[in-house]
C-alpha atoms as a PDB file:
ATOM      1  CA  UNK A   1       4.612   8.689  21.354  1.00  0.00           C
ATOM      2  CA  UNK A   2       5.241  10.478  18.222  1.00  0.00           C
ATOM      3  CA  UNK A   3       8.869  10.486  16.504  1.00  0.00           C
ATOM      4  CA  UNK A   4      11.436   8.010  18.531  1.00  0.00           C
ATOM      5  CA  UNK A   5      14.309   6.351  18.112  1.00  0.00           C
ATOM      6  CA  UNK A   6      13.993   2.965  16.353  1.00  0.00           C
ATOM      7  CA  UNK A   7      15.348   1.322  19.342  1.00  0.00           C
ATOM      8  CA  UNK A   8      12.350   2.309  20.967  1.00  0.00           C
ATOM      9  CA  UNK A   9      10.217   0.814  18.802  1.00  0.00           C
ATOM     10  CA  UNK A  10      11.930  -2.307  17.997  1.00  0.00           C
ATOM     11  CA  UNK A  11      13.081  -3.009  21.531  1.00  0.00           C
ATOM     12  CA  UNK A  12       9.885  -4.085  22.683  1.00  0.00           C
ATOM     13  CA  UNK A  13       8.700  -5.802  19.394  1.00  0.00           C
ATOM     14  CA  UNK A  14      11.804  -7.804  19.635  1.00  0.00           C
ATOM     15  CA  UNK A  15      11.440  -8.655  23.312  1.00  0.00           C
ATOM     16  CA  UNK A  16       7.754  -9.694  22.923  1.00  0.00           C
ATOM     17  CA  UNK A  17       7.905 -11.285  19.724  1.00  0.00           C
ATOM     18  CA  UNK A  18       6.165  -9.060  17.152  1.00  0.00           C
ATOM     19  CA  UNK A  19       6.589  -7.334  13.765  1.00  0.00           C
ATOM     20  CA  UNK A  20       6.674  -3.659  12.895  1.00  0.00           C
ATOM     21  CA  UNK A  21       5.885  -3.090   9.823  1.00  0.00           C
ATOM     22  CA  UNK A  22       8.573  -1.200   7.766  1.00  0.00           C
ATOM     23  CA  UNK A  23       7.166   0.331   4.819  1.00  0.00           C
ATOM     24  CA  UNK A  24       9.203   2.031   1.767  1.00  0.00           C
ATOM     25  CA  UNK A  25       7.097   5.163   1.175  1.00  0.00           C
ATOM     26  CA  UNK A  26       7.647   7.367  -2.254  1.00  0.00           C
ATOM     27  CA  UNK A  27       5.585  10.428  -2.388  1.00  0.00           C
ATOM     28  CA  UNK A  28       3.466  12.708   0.063  1.00  0.00           C
ATOM     29  CA  UNK A  29       0.306  10.505  -0.203  1.00  0.00           C
ATOM     30  CA  UNK A  30       2.155   7.651   0.672  1.00  0.00           C
ATOM     31  CA  UNK A  31       3.760   9.011   3.803  1.00  0.00           C
ATOM     32  CA  UNK A  32       0.169  10.504   5.005  1.00  0.00           C
ATOM     33  CA  UNK A  33      -1.384   7.091   4.329  1.00  0.00           C
ATOM     34  CA  UNK A  34       0.774   4.697   5.858  1.00  0.00           C
ATOM     35  CA  UNK A  35       0.771   7.348   8.848  1.00  0.00           C
ATOM     36  CA  UNK A  36      -3.006   7.235   8.898  1.00  0.00           C
ATOM     37  CA  UNK A  37      -3.078   3.676   8.583  1.00  0.00           C
ATOM     38  CA  UNK A  38      -0.840   3.397  11.615  1.00  0.00           C
ATOM     39  CA  UNK A  39      -2.983   5.473  13.805  1.00  0.00           C
ATOM     40  CA  UNK A  40      -6.165   3.586  13.094  1.00  0.00           C
ATOM     41  CA  UNK A  41      -4.319   0.297  14.045  1.00  0.00           C
ATOM     42  CA  UNK A  42      -2.672   1.609  17.065  1.00  0.00           C
ATOM     43  CA  UNK A  43       0.284   0.236  15.600  1.00  0.00           C
ATOM     44  CA  UNK A  44       4.307   1.449  15.668  1.00  0.00           C
ATOM     45  CA  UNK A  45       5.253   2.035  12.107  1.00  0.00           C
ATOM     46  CA  UNK A  46       8.648   2.479  10.353  1.00  0.00           C
ATOM     47  CA  UNK A  47       8.533   5.010   7.571  1.00  0.00           C
ATOM     48  CA  UNK A  48      11.227   3.615   4.740  1.00  0.00           C
ATOM     49  CA  UNK A  49      13.023   6.062   2.613  1.00  0.00           C
ATOM     50  CA  UNK A  50      15.207   4.392  -0.943  1.00  0.00           C
ATOM     51  CA  UNK A  51      18.068   6.264  -1.766  1.00  0.00           C
ATOM     52  CA  UNK A  52      15.875   6.726  -5.305  1.00  0.00           C
ATOM     53  CA  UNK A  53      13.313   8.856  -3.483  1.00  0.00           C
ATOM     54  CA  UNK A  54      15.898  10.749  -1.535  1.00  0.00           C
ATOM     55  CA  UNK A  55      16.794  11.623  -4.828  1.00  0.00           C
ATOM     56  CA  UNK A  56      13.982  12.322  -6.668  1.00  0.00           C
ATOM     57  CA  UNK A  57      12.361  14.319  -3.741  1.00  0.00           C
ATOM     58  CA  UNK A  58      15.300  15.936  -1.918  1.00  0.00           C
ATOM     59  CA  UNK A  59      16.151  15.280   1.423  1.00  0.00           C
ATOM     60  CA  UNK A  60      14.856  18.474   2.822  1.00  0.00           C
ATOM     61  CA  UNK A  61      11.780  18.243   1.295  1.00  0.00           C
ATOM     62  CA  UNK A  62      11.211  15.024   2.086  1.00  0.00           C
ATOM     63  CA  UNK A  63      11.735  15.623   5.803  1.00  0.00           C
ATOM     64  CA  UNK A  64      10.041  18.518   5.943  1.00  0.00           C
ATOM     65  CA  UNK A  65       6.758  16.695   4.607  1.00  0.00           C
ATOM     66  CA  UNK A  66       7.887  14.149   7.391  1.00  0.00           C
ATOM     67  CA  UNK A  67       8.279  16.384  10.108  1.00  0.00           C
ATOM     68  CA  UNK A  68       4.480  18.181   9.283  1.00  0.00           C
ATOM     69  CA  UNK A  69       2.381  14.911   9.042  1.00  0.00           C
ATOM     70  CA  UNK A  70       3.958  13.325  12.359  1.00  0.00           C
ATOM     71  CA  UNK A  71       3.399  16.376  14.124  1.00  0.00           C
ATOM     72  CA  UNK A  72       1.386  15.328  17.392  1.00  0.00           C
ATOM     73  CA  UNK A  73       0.840  11.808  15.588  1.00  0.00           C
ATOM     74  CA  UNK A  74       0.063   9.540  18.390  1.00  0.00           C
ATOM     75  CA  UNK A  75       1.672   6.379  17.551  1.00  0.00           C
ATOM     76  CA  UNK A  76       5.466   5.733  17.595  1.00  0.00           C
ATOM     77  CA  UNK A  77       6.959   6.498  14.330  1.00  0.00           C
ATOM     78  CA  UNK A  78      10.354   6.362  12.756  1.00  0.00           C
ATOM     79  CA  UNK A  79      12.330   7.583   9.427  1.00  0.00           C
ATOM     80  CA  UNK A  80      14.914   4.589   8.060  1.00  0.00           C
ATOM     81  CA  UNK A  81      17.168   5.527   5.188  1.00  0.00           C
ATOM     82  CA  UNK A  82      17.268   1.643   3.407  1.00  0.00           C
ATOM     83  CA  UNK A  83      19.748   0.081   1.415  1.00  0.00           C
ATOM     84  CA  UNK A  84      21.859   2.746   1.083  1.00  0.00           C
ATOM     85  CA  UNK A  85      25.656   1.938  -0.530  1.00  0.00           C
ATOM     86  CA  UNK A  86      26.464   5.426  -0.576  1.00  0.00           C
ATOM     87  CA  UNK A  87      27.981   7.457   2.386  1.00  0.00           C
ATOM     88  CA  UNK A  88      27.407  10.796   1.326  1.00  0.00           C
ATOM     89  CA  UNK A  89      23.615  10.212   1.081  1.00  0.00           C
ATOM     90  CA  UNK A  90      23.937   8.256   4.523  1.00  0.00           C
ATOM     91  CA  UNK A  91      25.389  11.750   5.989  1.00  0.00           C
ATOM     92  CA  UNK A  92      22.823  13.818   4.330  1.00  0.00           C
ATOM     93  CA  UNK A  93      20.113  12.071   5.727  1.00  0.00           C
ATOM     94  CA  UNK A  94      21.494  11.861   9.075  1.00  0.00           C
ATOM     95  CA  UNK A  95      22.076  15.524   9.146  1.00  0.00           C
ATOM     96  CA  UNK A  96      18.663  16.018   7.827  1.00  0.00           C
ATOM     97  CA  UNK A  97      17.245  14.258  10.811  1.00  0.00           C
ATOM     98  CA  UNK A  98      16.651  10.528   9.793  1.00  0.00           C
ATOM     99  CA  UNK A  99      16.637   8.358  12.745  1.00  0.00           C
ATOM    100  CA  UNK A 100      17.985   5.069  11.467  1.00  0.00           C
ATOM    101  CA  UNK A 101      19.730   4.249   8.177  1.00  0.00           C
ATOM    102  CA  UNK A 102      20.695   0.869   6.451  1.00  0.00           C
ATOM    103  CA  UNK A 103      24.299   1.073   5.250  1.00  0.00           C
ATOM    104  CA  UNK A 104      24.319  -1.547   2.515  1.00  0.00           C
ATOM    105  CA  UNK A 105      27.884  -2.856   1.791  1.00  0.00           C
ATOM    106  CA  UNK A 106      27.057  -6.213   0.848  1.00  0.00           C
ATOM    107  CA  UNK A 107      28.730  -5.798  -2.591  1.00  0.00           C
ATOM    108  CA  UNK A 108      32.077  -5.324  -0.443  1.00  0.00           C
ATOM    109  CA  UNK A 109      34.634  -7.831   1.171  1.00  0.00           C
ATOM    110  CA  UNK A 110      33.121  -8.386   4.342  1.00  0.00           C
ATOM    111  CA  UNK A 111      36.585  -7.193   5.943  1.00  0.00           C
ATOM    112  CA  UNK A 112      35.696  -3.568   4.186  1.00  0.00           C
ATOM    113  CA  UNK A 113      32.185  -4.033   5.158  1.00  0.00           C
ATOM    114  CA  UNK A 114      32.817  -4.234   8.067  1.00  0.00           C
ATOM    115  CA  UNK A 115      35.224  -1.207   8.470  1.00  0.00           C
ATOM    116  CA  UNK A 116      33.035   1.172   6.944  1.00  0.00           C
ATOM    117  CA  UNK A 117      30.301  -0.007   8.833  1.00  0.00           C
ATOM    118  CA  UNK A 118      32.121   0.590  12.086  1.00  0.00           C
ATOM    119  CA  UNK A 119      32.400   4.860  10.575  1.00  0.00           C
ATOM    120  CA  UNK A 120      28.902   4.591   9.622  1.00  0.00           C
ATOM    121  CA  UNK A 121      27.742   3.500  13.360  1.00  0.00           C
ATOM    122  CA  UNK A 122      29.798   5.982  14.974  1.00  0.00           C
ATOM    123  CA  UNK A 123      28.775   8.947  12.555  1.00  0.00           C
ATOM    124  CA  UNK A 124      25.216   7.900  13.452  1.00  0.00           C
ATOM    125  CA  UNK A 125      25.606   7.449  17.079  1.00  0.00           C
ATOM    126  CA  UNK A 126      26.441  11.388  16.966  1.00  0.00           C
ATOM    127  CA  UNK A 127      23.087  12.086  15.748  1.00  0.00           C
ATOM    128  CA  UNK A 128      21.492   9.565  18.015  1.00  0.00           C
ATOM    129  CA  UNK A 129      20.182   7.875  15.623  1.00  0.00           C
ATOM    130  CA  UNK A 130      20.489   3.672  14.504  1.00  0.00           C
ATOM    131  CA  UNK A 131      22.485   1.674  12.174  1.00  0.00           C
ATOM    132  CA  UNK A 132      20.840  -1.611  10.317  1.00  0.00           C
ATOM    133  CA  UNK A 133      23.562  -3.769   8.624  1.00  0.00           C
ATOM    134  CA  UNK A 134      24.235  -6.744   6.296  1.00  0.00           C
ATOM    135  CA  UNK A 135      27.093  -8.488   4.505  1.00  0.00           C
ATOM    136  CA  UNK A 136      24.717 -10.862   2.469  1.00  0.00           C
ATOM    137  CA  UNK A 137      23.086  -9.040  -0.574  1.00  0.00           C
ATOM    138  CA  UNK A 138      19.344  -9.869  -0.505  1.00  0.00           C
ATOM    139  CA  UNK A 139      18.600 -11.009  -3.909  1.00  0.00           C
ATOM    140  CA  UNK A 140      16.183  -9.035  -6.601  1.00  0.00           C
ATOM    141  CA  UNK A 141      16.381  -5.222  -7.322  1.00  0.00           C
ATOM    142  CA  UNK A 142      14.307  -2.609  -5.847  1.00  0.00           C
ATOM    143  CA  UNK A 143      14.192   1.486  -6.898  1.00  0.00           C
ATOM    144  CA  UNK A 144      17.215   0.626  -8.950  1.00  0.00           C
ATOM    145  CA  UNK A 145      19.730  -1.195  -6.036  1.00  0.00           C
ATOM    146  CA  UNK A 146      20.506  -4.791  -5.896  1.00  0.00           C
ATOM    147  CA  UNK A 147      21.137  -7.502  -8.089  1.00  0.00           C
ATOM    148  CA  UNK A 148      19.306 -10.776  -9.243  1.00  0.00           C
ATOM    149  CA  UNK A 149      22.089 -12.890  -8.339  1.00  0.00           C
ATOM    150  CA  UNK A 150      21.742 -15.060  -5.290  1.00  0.00           C
ATOM    151  CA  UNK A 151      24.720 -14.105  -2.582  1.00  0.00           C
ATOM    152  CA  UNK A 152      26.529 -16.611  -0.570  1.00  0.00           C
ATOM    153  CA  UNK A 153      25.578 -16.837   2.935  1.00  0.00           C
ATOM    154  CA  UNK A 154      28.371 -16.024   5.335  1.00  0.00           C
ATOM    155  CA  UNK A 155      29.285 -18.450   8.320  1.00  0.00           C
ATOM    156  CA  UNK A 156      27.568 -17.971  11.548  1.00  0.00           C
ATOM    157  CA  UNK A 157      31.024 -17.423  13.323  1.00  0.00           C
ATOM    158  CA  UNK A 158      31.517 -14.514  10.442  1.00  0.00           C
ATOM    159  CA  UNK A 159      28.109 -12.937  11.071  1.00  0.00           C
ATOM    160  CA  UNK A 160      28.817 -13.164  14.665  1.00  0.00           C
ATOM    161  CA  UNK A 161      31.899 -10.972  14.374  1.00  0.00           C
ATOM    162  CA  UNK A 162      30.632  -8.887  12.386  1.00  0.00           C
ATOM    163  CA  UNK A 163      28.088  -7.759  14.874  1.00  0.00           C
ATOM    164  CA  UNK A 164      30.506  -7.766  17.619  1.00  0.00           C
ATOM    165  CA  UNK A 165      33.062  -5.578  15.716  1.00  0.00           C
ATOM    166  CA  UNK A 166      30.460  -3.105  14.321  1.00  0.00           C
ATOM    167  CA  UNK A 167      27.900  -2.529  16.987  1.00  0.00           C
ATOM    168  CA  UNK A 168      24.906  -2.427  14.611  1.00  0.00           C
ATOM    169  CA  UNK A 169      21.353  -2.091  16.306  1.00  0.00           C
ATOM    170  CA  UNK A 170      19.586  -4.059  13.387  1.00  0.00           C
ATOM    171  CA  UNK A 171      20.967  -7.390  11.200  1.00  0.00           C
ATOM    172  CA  UNK A 172      19.572  -8.268   8.192  1.00  0.00           C
ATOM    173  CA  UNK A 173      20.474 -11.461   6.807  1.00  0.00           C
ATOM    174  CA  UNK A 174      19.853 -13.579   3.528  1.00  0.00           C
ATOM    175  CA  UNK A 175      17.800 -16.462   4.463  1.00  0.00           C
ATOM    176  CA  UNK A 176      16.074 -17.214   0.812  1.00  0.00           C
ATOM    177  CA  UNK A 177      14.237 -14.285   1.097  1.00  0.00           C
ATOM    178  CA  UNK A 178      14.168 -11.427  -1.978  1.00  0.00           C
ATOM    179  CA  UNK A 179      12.997  -8.157  -3.138  1.00  0.00           C
ATOM    180  CA  UNK A 180      10.264  -7.797  -5.676  1.00  0.00           C
ATOM    181  CA  UNK A 181       7.611 -10.016  -6.464  1.00  0.00           C
ATOM    182  CA  UNK A 182       8.283 -13.537  -5.894  1.00  0.00           C
ATOM    183  CA  UNK A 183       8.152 -16.006  -8.765  1.00  0.00           C
ATOM    184  CA  UNK A 184       7.672 -19.090  -6.967  1.00  0.00           C
ATOM    185  CA  UNK A 185       7.238 -19.526  -3.197  1.00  0.00           C
ATOM    186  CA  UNK A 186      10.315 -18.824  -1.578  1.00  0.00           C
ATOM    187  CA  UNK A 187      12.066 -21.320   0.752  1.00  0.00           C
ATOM    188  CA  UNK A 188      13.180 -19.695   3.863  1.00  0.00           C
ATOM    189  CA  UNK A 189      16.287 -20.316   6.024  1.00  0.00           C
ATOM    190  CA  UNK A 190      14.330 -20.022   9.378  1.00  0.00           C
ATOM    191  CA  UNK A 191      16.640 -22.000  11.234  1.00  0.00           C
ATOM    192  CA  UNK A 192      19.405 -19.174  10.261  1.00  0.00           C
ATOM    193  CA  UNK A 193      17.484 -16.440  11.975  1.00  0.00           C
ATOM    194  CA  UNK A 194      16.986 -18.583  15.467  1.00  0.00           C
ATOM    195  CA  UNK A 195      20.838 -19.348  15.540  1.00  0.00           C
ATOM    196  CA  UNK A 196      21.792 -15.452  15.310  1.00  0.00           C
ATOM    197  CA  UNK A 197      19.163 -14.595  17.834  1.00  0.00           C
ATOM    198  CA  UNK A 198      20.078 -16.919  20.088  1.00  0.00           C
ATOM    199  CA  UNK A 199      24.239 -16.384  19.793  1.00  0.00           C
ATOM    200  CA  UNK A 200      23.722 -11.939  20.044  1.00  0.00           C
ATOM    201  CA  UNK A 201      20.236 -11.267  20.754  1.00  0.00           C
ATOM    202  CA  UNK A 202      19.729  -9.004  18.218  1.00  0.00           C
ATOM    203  CA  UNK A 203      16.543  -7.588  16.249  1.00  0.00           C
ATOM    204  CA  UNK A 204      16.553  -9.086  13.206  1.00  0.00           C
ATOM    205  CA  UNK A 205      15.018  -7.165   9.733  1.00  0.00           C
ATOM    206  CA  UNK A 206      12.839  -9.297   7.543  1.00  0.00           C
ATOM    207  CA  UNK A 207      13.422  -7.848   3.765  1.00  0.00           C
ATOM    208  CA  UNK A 208      11.453  -9.096   0.855  1.00  0.00           C
ATOM    209  CA  UNK A 209       8.233  -9.271   3.094  1.00  0.00           C
ATOM    210  CA  UNK A 210       5.360  -8.655   0.465  1.00  0.00           C
ATOM    211  CA  UNK A 211       4.170 -12.041  -0.769  1.00  0.00           C
ATOM    212  CA  UNK A 212       5.390 -14.264   2.145  1.00  0.00           C
ATOM    213  CA  UNK A 213       2.274 -16.263   3.928  1.00  0.00           C
ATOM    214  CA  UNK A 214       0.796 -15.842   7.245  1.00  0.00           C
ATOM    215  CA  UNK A 215       2.550 -18.886   8.019  1.00  0.00           C
ATOM    216  CA  UNK A 216       5.873 -17.780   7.202  1.00  0.00           C
ATOM    217  CA  UNK A 217       5.243 -14.209   9.035  1.00  0.00           C
ATOM    218  CA  UNK A 218       4.288 -15.825  12.035  1.00  0.00           C
ATOM    219  CA  UNK A 219       7.559 -18.122  12.283  1.00  0.00           C
ATOM    220  CA  UNK A 220      10.449 -15.484  11.393  1.00  0.00           C
ATOM    221  CA  UNK A 221       8.526 -12.783  13.732  1.00  0.00           C
ATOM    222  CA  UNK A 222       8.581 -15.719  16.574  1.00  0.00           C
ATOM    223  CA  UNK A 223      11.903 -15.779  16.008  1.00  0.00           C
ATOM    224  CA  UNK A 224      13.122 -12.352  16.169  1.00  0.00           C
ATOM    225  CA  UNK A 225      12.284 -10.683  12.974  1.00  0.00           C
ATOM    226  CA  UNK A 226      11.056  -7.438  14.652  1.00  0.00           C
ATOM    227  CA  UNK A 227      11.369  -5.237  11.649  1.00  0.00           C
ATOM    228  CA  UNK A 228       9.144  -6.516   8.707  1.00  0.00           C
ATOM    229  CA  UNK A 229      10.282  -4.701   5.503  1.00  0.00           C
ATOM    230  CA  UNK A 230       7.374  -3.850   3.223  1.00  0.00           C
ATOM    231  CA  UNK A 231       7.829  -2.176  -0.607  1.00  0.00           C
ATOM    232  CA  UNK A 232       6.567  -4.374  -3.302  1.00  0.00           C
ATOM    233  CA  UNK A 233       2.948  -4.423  -1.619  1.00  0.00           C
ATOM    234  CA  UNK A 234       2.534  -0.672  -1.260  1.00  0.00           C
ATOM    235  CA  UNK A 235       3.527   0.066  -4.899  1.00  0.00           C
ATOM    236  CA  UNK A 236       1.042  -2.896  -5.931  1.00  0.00           C
ATOM    237  CA  UNK A 237      -1.695  -1.318  -3.995  1.00  0.00           C
ATOM    238  CA  UNK A 238      -0.733   2.234  -5.012  1.00  0.00           C
ATOM    239  CA  UNK A 239      -0.937   1.640  -8.664  1.00  0.00           C
ATOM    240  CA  UNK A 240      -3.496  -0.987  -8.945  1.00  0.00           C
ATOM    241  CA  UNK A 241      -5.997   1.136  -6.839  1.00  0.00           C
ATOM    242  CA  UNK A 242      -5.033   4.165  -8.845  1.00  0.00           C
ATOM    243  CA  UNK A 243      -5.489   2.377 -12.392  1.00  0.00           C
ATOM    244  CA  UNK A 244      -9.049   0.856 -11.123  1.00  0.00           C
ATOM    245  CA  UNK A 245     -10.237   4.088 -10.423  1.00  0.00           C
ATOM    246  CA  UNK A 246      -8.934   5.873 -13.602  1.00  0.00           C
ATOM    247  CA  UNK A 247     -10.404   2.996 -15.792  1.00  0.00           C
ATOM    248  CA  UNK A 248     -13.693   3.659 -14.285  1.00  0.00           C
ATOM    249  CA  UNK A 249     -12.939   7.552 -14.573  1.00  0.00           C
ATOM    250  CA  UNK A 250     -12.524   6.803 -18.043  1.00  0.00           C
ATOM    251  CA  UNK A 251     -15.759   4.734 -18.572  1.00  0.00           C
ATOM    252  CA  UNK A 252     -17.946   7.493 -16.691  1.00  0.00           C
ATOM    253  CA  UNK A 253     -15.446  10.338 -18.626  1.00  0.00           C
ATOM    254  CA  UNK A 254     -15.243  12.042 -15.204  1.00  0.00           C
ATOM    255  CA  UNK A 255     -11.895  13.466 -14.078  1.00  0.00           C
ATOM    256  CA  UNK A 256     -11.884  14.412 -10.717  1.00  0.00           C
ATOM    257  CA  UNK A 257      -7.731  14.419  -9.189  1.00  0.00           C
ATOM    258  CA  UNK A 258      -9.150  14.759  -5.350  1.00  0.00           C
ATOM    259  CA  UNK A 259     -11.150  11.616  -5.652  1.00  0.00           C
ATOM    260  CA  UNK A 260      -8.649   9.917  -7.394  1.00  0.00           C
ATOM    261  CA  UNK A 261      -6.258  10.634  -3.773  1.00  0.00           C
ATOM    262  CA  UNK A 262      -9.063   9.725  -1.811  1.00  0.00           C
ATOM    263  CA  UNK A 263      -9.588   6.504  -3.184  1.00  0.00           C
ATOM    264  CA  UNK A 264      -6.167   5.160  -3.637  1.00  0.00           C
ATOM    265  CA  UNK A 265      -5.580   6.653   0.110  1.00  0.00           C
ATOM    266  CA  UNK A 266      -8.164   4.473   1.633  1.00  0.00           C
ATOM    267  CA  UNK A 267      -6.809   1.536   0.005  1.00  0.00           C
ATOM    268  CA  UNK A 268      -3.479   2.043   1.353  1.00  0.00           C
ATOM    269  CA  UNK A 269      -4.800   2.657   4.902  1.00  0.00           C
ATOM    270  CA  UNK A 270      -6.415  -0.589   4.468  1.00  0.00           C
ATOM    271  CA  UNK A 271      -3.059  -2.357   3.727  1.00  0.00           C
ATOM    272  CA  UNK A 272      -0.934  -0.848   6.597  1.00  0.00           C
ATOM    273  CA  UNK A 273      -3.939  -1.962   8.799  1.00  0.00           C
ATOM    274  CA  UNK A 274      -4.248  -5.572   7.736  1.00  0.00           C
ATOM    275  CA  UNK A 275      -0.298  -5.711   7.605  1.00  0.00           C
ATOM    276  CA  UNK A 276      -0.351  -4.248  11.300  1.00  0.00           C
ATOM    277  CA  UNK A 277      -2.659  -7.200  12.362  1.00  0.00           C
ATOM    278  CA  UNK A 278      -1.021 -10.187  10.479  1.00  0.00           C
ATOM    279  CA  UNK A 279       2.478  -8.887  12.330  1.00  0.00           C
ATOM    280  CA  UNK A 280       0.626  -8.348  15.420  1.00  0.00           C
ATOM    281  CA  UNK A 281       1.651  -4.724  16.262  1.00  0.00           C
ATOM    282  CA  UNK A 282      -2.027  -3.694  15.913  1.00  0.00           C
ATOM    283  CA  UNK A 283      -2.542  -1.983  19.659  1.00  0.00           C
ATOM    284  CA  UNK A 284       1.058  -1.877  20.361  1.00  0.00           C
ATOM    285  CA  UNK A 285       0.798   2.237  19.589  1.00  0.00           C
ATOM    286  CA  UNK A 286       0.587   2.827  23.346  1.00  0.00           C
ATOM    287  CA  UNK A 287      -2.513   4.665  23.272  1.00  0.00           C
END
């Protein structure tokens, strides 16, 4: 087990229809706690880093933390760069050792997006890495990236031509999902996932997973959403757990940072275990 290519995690999930949590971490505590939760659930896990996190911590420090914390780990794990429109950051992370990248050129015309994605795939292959792609922006702003404007869906013909030309490993379609906290229950185009998978048999990445219902997760995973992105839920768990502890610390006038970290870590681990159970990846870690 241990650190493996993205395909080694997603291929069995796609073939047997379970979802792998792909969780956006943002500091050392969340890296360690997400990994610990995956081990306790015996689940594969994808750790994702936003461009904002890469820039705030630094690719070398971030990768060194990842390498240290995954040494000897007993479940399959991989490190993924999420929603990156900056080719220089993609190159930086691939050189540092990231296993996969999402080249997000959804703001570009499809033809230019496709041309550049072909180049990114070739670059990633030279490092033994995989590529996730998208041609429609996912609604919502997350980690300073994205827009609240709803993007136009491309035709199935356009999607399939993009998949054939680029050779990407995972595709992230827009199906009515959104980043951030849903203000109302989303209406999802489940059929679009089935149409893409039936035509090209490619794993689908479900973005905007935080806040979807158990029924929606189960339906989408059964259709081929093997990679389930979670970001907002971790941020909320981390901050709400910390806030609850700090309120009690203020009341008790007892200020002990290690106890705060222990408390927050436990809540993050619980969240990861619950996600693994919900997506069907618990017990799929191979140990």
